Protein backbone atom coordinates (compact mmCIF):
# COMPACT_ATOMS: atom_id res chain seq x y z
CA MET A 1 -5.86 1.70 6.38
CA LEU A 2 -6.72 3.47 3.12
CA ASN A 3 -8.67 6.17 4.96
CA GLY A 4 -5.58 7.10 6.97
CA TYR A 5 -3.34 7.24 3.89
CA ALA A 6 -4.13 10.89 3.05
CA LYS A 7 -3.20 11.96 6.58
CA LYS A 8 0.35 10.74 5.96
CA LEU A 9 0.70 13.12 3.01
CA PRO A 10 1.30 16.60 4.46
CA ALA A 11 -1.14 19.30 3.42
CA GLU A 12 1.73 21.78 3.11
CA ARG A 13 5.45 21.70 3.62
CA ARG A 14 6.66 22.39 7.16
CA GLY A 15 10.34 23.15 6.98
CA GLY A 16 12.77 24.41 9.58
CA ASP A 17 13.67 27.51 7.51
CA PRO A 18 12.16 30.94 8.23
CA PHE A 19 9.04 31.78 6.26
CA LEU A 20 9.61 31.75 2.46
CA MET A 21 13.41 31.61 2.67
CA GLU A 22 13.62 28.35 0.74
CA GLU A 23 11.45 29.88 -1.99
CA VAL A 24 13.78 32.90 -2.11
CA ARG A 25 16.84 30.67 -2.54
CA VAL A 26 15.17 28.77 -5.38
CA LEU A 27 14.11 32.00 -7.07
CA GLU A 28 17.65 33.36 -6.84
CA GLU A 29 19.05 30.15 -8.35
CA THR A 30 16.59 30.23 -11.26
CA THR A 31 16.89 33.95 -11.97
CA GLY A 32 17.45 34.76 -15.65
CA ILE A 33 16.34 37.15 -18.35
CA LYS A 34 12.59 37.50 -17.83
CA LEU A 35 9.76 39.95 -17.43
CA PRO A 36 9.59 41.84 -14.10
CA ASP A 37 7.54 40.15 -11.37
CA PHE A 38 7.10 37.09 -13.58
CA LEU A 39 7.19 33.83 -11.63
CA PRO A 40 9.65 31.43 -13.36
CA ARG A 41 8.13 28.01 -14.00
CA SER A 42 11.49 26.35 -13.32
CA ALA A 43 11.35 27.59 -9.72
CA PHE A 44 7.93 26.00 -9.24
CA LEU A 45 9.14 22.69 -10.72
CA VAL A 46 12.18 22.65 -8.42
CA MET A 47 9.99 23.20 -5.36
CA LEU A 48 7.46 20.64 -6.59
CA LYS A 49 10.12 17.97 -7.07
CA LYS A 50 11.48 18.51 -3.56
CA LYS A 51 8.01 18.24 -2.08
CA VAL A 52 7.08 15.07 -4.00
CA GLU A 53 10.35 13.42 -3.00
CA THR A 54 9.49 13.90 0.70
CA VAL A 55 6.46 11.58 0.40
CA VAL A 56 7.72 8.96 -2.05
CA GLN A 57 7.98 6.26 0.62
CA VAL A 58 4.44 6.75 1.99
CA PRO A 59 2.51 5.02 -0.85
CA HIS A 60 5.11 2.25 -1.01
CA ASP A 61 4.64 1.55 2.70
CA LEU A 62 0.87 1.57 2.30
CA VAL A 63 0.68 -1.05 -0.47
CA ARG A 64 3.12 -3.25 1.43
CA GLU A 65 0.94 -3.07 4.55
CA VAL A 66 -2.20 -3.80 2.52
CA TRP A 67 -0.80 -6.91 0.83
CA ASP A 68 0.72 -8.16 4.10
CA TYR A 69 -2.73 -7.93 5.66
CA VAL A 70 -4.43 -9.60 2.68
CA GLU A 71 -1.86 -12.40 2.66
CA ASP A 72 -2.28 -13.08 6.36
CA LEU A 73 -6.07 -13.12 6.08
CA THR A 74 -6.07 -15.33 2.98
CA VAL A 75 -3.75 -17.91 4.53
CA LYS A 76 -5.86 -18.07 7.71
CA ILE A 77 -9.05 -18.68 5.73
CA LEU A 78 -7.47 -21.33 3.48
CA LEU A 79 -5.98 -23.19 6.43
CA GLN A 80 -9.32 -23.09 8.19
CA HIS A 81 -11.13 -24.59 5.21
CA SER A 82 -8.45 -27.21 4.57
CA GLU A 83 -7.92 -28.36 8.13
CA ASP A 84 -9.27 -31.81 7.21
CA PHE A 85 -6.59 -32.08 4.52
CA PRO A 86 -3.30 -31.08 6.16
CA GLN A 87 -1.41 -32.66 3.26
CA VAL A 88 -2.37 -29.80 0.92
CA GLN A 89 -1.84 -26.91 3.32
CA PRO A 90 1.84 -26.37 2.37
CA SER A 91 0.75 -26.12 -1.27
CA CYS A 92 -1.89 -23.54 -0.33
CA ARG A 93 0.73 -21.48 1.49
CA ARG A 94 3.06 -21.59 -1.51
CA ALA A 95 0.28 -20.55 -3.88
CA VAL A 96 -0.71 -17.57 -1.73
CA GLN A 97 2.93 -16.51 -1.21
CA SER A 98 3.61 -16.56 -4.94
CA LEU A 99 0.44 -14.63 -5.66
CA MET A 100 1.20 -11.99 -3.03
CA ASP A 101 4.75 -11.53 -4.32
CA LYS A 102 3.33 -10.77 -7.77
CA ALA A 103 0.76 -8.37 -6.30
CA ARG A 104 3.45 -6.50 -4.33
CA ALA A 105 5.64 -6.16 -7.41
CA GLN A 106 2.73 -4.91 -9.50
CA SER A 107 1.73 -2.36 -6.85
CA ALA A 108 5.32 -1.15 -6.52
CA ARG A 109 5.39 -0.50 -10.28
CA HIS A 110 2.06 1.31 -10.06
CA VAL A 111 3.33 3.56 -7.25
CA ARG A 112 6.49 4.41 -9.21
CA GLU A 113 4.35 5.36 -12.20
CA LEU A 114 2.13 7.59 -10.04
CA ILE A 115 5.17 9.40 -8.66
CA GLU A 116 6.84 9.70 -12.06
CA MET A 117 3.67 11.18 -13.58
CA GLU A 118 3.65 13.89 -10.92
CA LEU A 119 7.19 14.85 -11.86
CA VAL A 120 6.54 15.00 -15.62
CA ALA A 121 4.58 18.26 -15.59
CA ASP A 122 2.65 20.66 -13.38
CA TYR A 123 -0.90 20.11 -14.59
CA THR A 124 -4.37 19.76 -13.13
CA SER A 125 -7.91 20.31 -14.38
CA ASN A 126 -9.17 20.44 -10.79
CA PRO A 127 -10.98 23.80 -10.30
CA ASP A 128 -10.02 23.64 -6.62
CA TYR A 129 -6.47 24.68 -7.59
CA THR A 130 -7.45 28.15 -8.78
CA LYS A 131 -9.92 28.57 -5.94
CA THR A 132 -7.36 27.65 -3.27
CA TRP A 133 -4.62 29.77 -4.85
CA SER A 134 -6.93 32.79 -4.99
CA GLU A 135 -7.88 32.35 -1.33
CA LEU A 136 -4.23 32.16 -0.28
CA MET A 137 -3.31 35.19 -2.37
CA GLU A 138 -5.86 37.27 -0.46
CA GLY A 139 -3.17 37.66 2.19
CA HIS A 140 -0.57 38.87 -0.32
CA GLY A 141 -1.27 42.56 0.26
CA LYS A 142 -1.14 42.23 4.04
CA PHE A 143 2.10 40.25 3.73
CA MET A 144 3.82 42.75 1.42
CA GLU A 145 2.77 45.64 3.68
CA ALA A 146 4.48 43.93 6.63
CA VAL A 147 7.58 43.26 4.52
CA LYS A 148 7.92 46.81 3.20
CA ASP A 149 6.95 48.71 6.33
CA HIS A 150 9.51 47.87 9.01
CA SER A 151 7.58 49.86 11.56
CA LYS A 152 4.87 47.19 11.54
CA PRO A 153 5.19 44.02 13.63
CA ALA A 154 7.19 41.27 11.92
CA ALA A 155 4.77 38.62 13.16
CA LEU A 156 1.39 38.29 11.48
CA THR A 157 -1.25 35.66 10.79
CA LEU A 158 -2.06 34.71 7.19
CA LYS A 159 -4.93 32.58 5.98
CA GLY A 160 -3.68 29.14 5.01
CA PHE A 161 -0.21 29.71 6.48
CA GLY A 162 -0.98 30.50 10.09
CA LYS A 163 1.32 32.68 12.17
CA VAL A 164 4.48 33.71 10.31
CA ASP A 165 7.48 35.96 10.90
CA VAL A 166 8.71 38.19 8.05
CA SER A 167 11.91 39.38 9.73
CA ASP A 168 14.19 37.43 7.39
CA ILE A 169 12.19 37.96 4.22
CA ARG A 170 12.42 41.75 4.71
CA LYS A 171 16.04 41.49 3.57
CA HIS A 172 14.78 40.14 0.23
CA ASP A 173 11.83 42.43 -0.34
CA ASP A 174 12.49 42.36 -4.11
CA LEU A 175 11.66 38.63 -4.19
CA ALA A 176 9.14 38.52 -1.34
CA GLY A 177 6.08 38.89 -3.59
CA GLN A 178 7.19 36.11 -5.95
CA ALA A 179 8.16 33.87 -3.03
CA PHE A 180 4.68 34.30 -1.52
CA ASP A 181 3.06 33.53 -4.88
CA LEU A 182 5.28 30.47 -5.29
CA ARG A 183 4.30 29.14 -1.86
CA ALA A 184 0.61 29.77 -2.55
CA ARG A 185 0.71 28.01 -5.93
CA LEU A 186 2.56 25.02 -4.51
CA ALA A 187 0.15 24.71 -1.56
CA ALA A 188 -2.85 24.86 -3.90
CA TYR A 189 -1.36 22.42 -6.41
CA TRP A 190 -0.32 20.01 -3.66
CA ARG A 191 -3.97 19.40 -2.83
CA SER A 192 -4.50 18.12 -6.38
CA ILE A 193 -1.44 15.86 -6.09
CA VAL A 194 -2.65 14.37 -2.82
CA LEU A 195 -6.07 13.71 -4.33
CA ARG A 196 -4.56 11.97 -7.36
CA LEU A 197 -2.21 9.84 -5.26
CA VAL A 198 -4.89 8.82 -2.76
CA ASP A 199 -7.60 8.05 -5.32
CA GLY A 200 -5.23 6.37 -7.77
CA LEU A 201 -3.68 4.11 -5.17
CA ALA A 202 -6.97 3.31 -3.42
CA LEU A 203 -8.62 2.23 -6.68
CA HIS A 204 -5.55 0.20 -7.63
CA VAL A 205 -5.59 -1.69 -4.32
CA LEU A 206 -9.35 -2.31 -4.41
CA ARG A 207 -9.12 -3.60 -7.98
CA GLY A 208 -6.24 -5.89 -7.02
CA VAL A 209 -8.10 -7.36 -4.05
CA LYS A 210 -11.24 -7.90 -6.16
CA ARG A 211 -9.25 -9.64 -8.88
CA LEU A 212 -7.49 -11.75 -6.26
CA ALA A 213 -10.75 -12.94 -4.70
CA GLU A 214 -12.63 -13.54 -7.94
CA ASN A 215 -9.96 -15.01 -10.20
CA ASP A 216 -6.26 -15.01 -9.32
CA LEU A 217 -6.49 -17.07 -6.13
CA GLU A 218 -8.48 -19.84 -7.78
CA VAL A 219 -6.02 -20.01 -10.68
CA ALA A 220 -3.00 -20.06 -8.36
CA LEU A 221 -4.46 -22.84 -6.20
CA SER A 222 -5.42 -24.86 -9.27
CA ASP A 223 -1.93 -24.58 -10.72
CA GLU A 224 -0.35 -25.61 -7.42
CA LEU A 225 -2.73 -28.47 -6.53
CA LEU A 226 -3.77 -29.79 -9.92
CA GLY A 227 -0.56 -29.19 -11.78
CA ASN A 228 2.31 -31.65 -11.99
CA LYS A 229 0.02 -34.55 -12.98
CA MET A 230 -2.46 -33.80 -10.19
CA ALA A 231 0.12 -34.37 -7.49
CA GLY A 232 -1.87 -32.12 -5.18
CA VAL A 233 -4.96 -34.29 -5.48
CA GLU A 234 -2.87 -37.37 -4.78
CA ARG A 235 -1.55 -35.69 -1.64
CA MET A 236 -5.10 -34.82 -0.66
CA LEU A 237 -6.21 -38.45 -1.04
CA ALA A 238 -3.20 -39.81 0.78
CA PRO A 239 -3.94 -40.54 4.45
CA SER A 240 -2.50 -38.35 7.14
CA PRO A 241 0.07 -39.95 9.52
CA ALA A 242 -2.56 -40.27 12.25
CA THR A 243 -5.06 -41.84 9.87
CA GLY A 244 -2.42 -44.20 8.52
CA SER A 245 -1.54 -45.36 12.02
CA LYS A 246 -5.19 -46.03 12.83
CA ARG A 247 -5.55 -47.94 9.59
CA GLN A 248 -2.59 -50.17 10.43
CA ARG A 249 -4.01 -50.93 13.87
CA LEU A 250 -7.37 -51.76 12.28
CA LYS A 251 -5.73 -54.14 9.81
CA LYS A 252 -3.95 -55.93 12.66
CA SER A 253 -7.25 -56.22 14.55
CA ILE A 254 -8.92 -57.73 11.48
CA VAL A 255 -6.14 -60.28 11.12
CA LEU A 256 -6.48 -61.23 14.80
CA LEU A 257 -10.24 -61.58 14.41
CA GLN A 258 -9.80 -63.82 11.40
CA GLN A 259 -7.28 -65.98 13.27
CA SER A 260 -9.63 -66.13 16.27
CA LYS A 261 -12.48 -67.14 14.00
CA GLU A 262 -10.41 -69.93 12.49
CA ALA A 263 -9.30 -71.11 15.94
CA VAL A 264 -12.88 -71.15 17.22
CA ALA A 265 -14.05 -73.01 14.12
CA ASP A 266 -11.29 -75.59 14.62
CA ILE A 267 -12.28 -76.08 18.26
CA MET A 268 -15.94 -76.49 17.30
CA ASP A 269 -15.00 -79.07 14.72
CA ARG A 270 -13.06 -81.04 17.30
CA ILE A 271 -15.97 -80.88 19.76
CA SER A 272 -18.35 -82.08 17.09
CA ALA A 273 -16.03 -84.95 16.15
CA ALA A 274 -15.65 -86.01 19.81
CA GLY A 275 -19.43 -86.01 20.28
CA GLU A 276 -19.98 -88.26 17.31
CA VAL A 277 -17.51 -90.75 18.70
C-alpha cells in the first residue's frame, strides 16, 4: 500500500493545454518591473500551489485506507483470541473503534501539516533538484531554436518532456525561454516534494502502527474492560447464555438425583423394617 503511494503522485503535470501555455499565462499575470529575462518567484509559487492542490486528496486517501486495514485486522485478531469470552467482544470492538478514530484524526492533521509546509516556501536542500533542473535545461537551446526559427518543424522531442509541439508558444517567443525555465524548475522541485510527502507519511504511519501495537491498544482495552469498577471483568466471568442453560439443566439433574437417593433410602428402610418383623 505504501509502496504504491508514490505512483499516485504524478512525476510532472500533464495538462490539456498546449506545451508551456499555462506557464505563459502565469508569467503574463505576474509581470512587473523587473530585470530582463529574470524569472519572477511569484510565478513559480503560483504554479507550485496549483500543482500541490491537484494531489491533496491522495495522502488523505492513503492514511484512511491504512487505518481501515489496521482496524479490520486488529478486530479479527482480538475476536479470535477472545472467542471463549463472547461477553467481552463488544467491549473489544468499542476499544478498537475509539482508538482507530483517534489515529485517523491524528493522521489527517499530519497530512494537512505536510501539505501546508509545502505551500509555505519553495525550499529544498536535496542536491537532486539542481541536477534534475540542469539536465532539463540542456534542451533549452534546442527548444528556443525551434521557437524562433519557424522554418523548423514545430514538433520536437525534449529530454524529460517527451514529444512537444511549439506551434502555440511561437506566438509568445518573448516569454518562451522563461516559460521553459519555469517548467523545468517546477518538474525538478516536484521530485523533492514527492520524496518529502512519501517519506514523511510512510514514517508517520509506521510509527503509528508501532505505537498502536506496543502501547495504545493495551491501554484502550484496559480502560474499556477494567474501567467502570471492573465491569468488563465481571462480564468476562459471567456465564454465556449457553453455559447458563447447561448449568440450569445440571442443577435440575442434581435435585432429581438427590430426590431419587432419598426415595431409594426410604424404600430400603421400609424393606429393612419389614424383614425385622
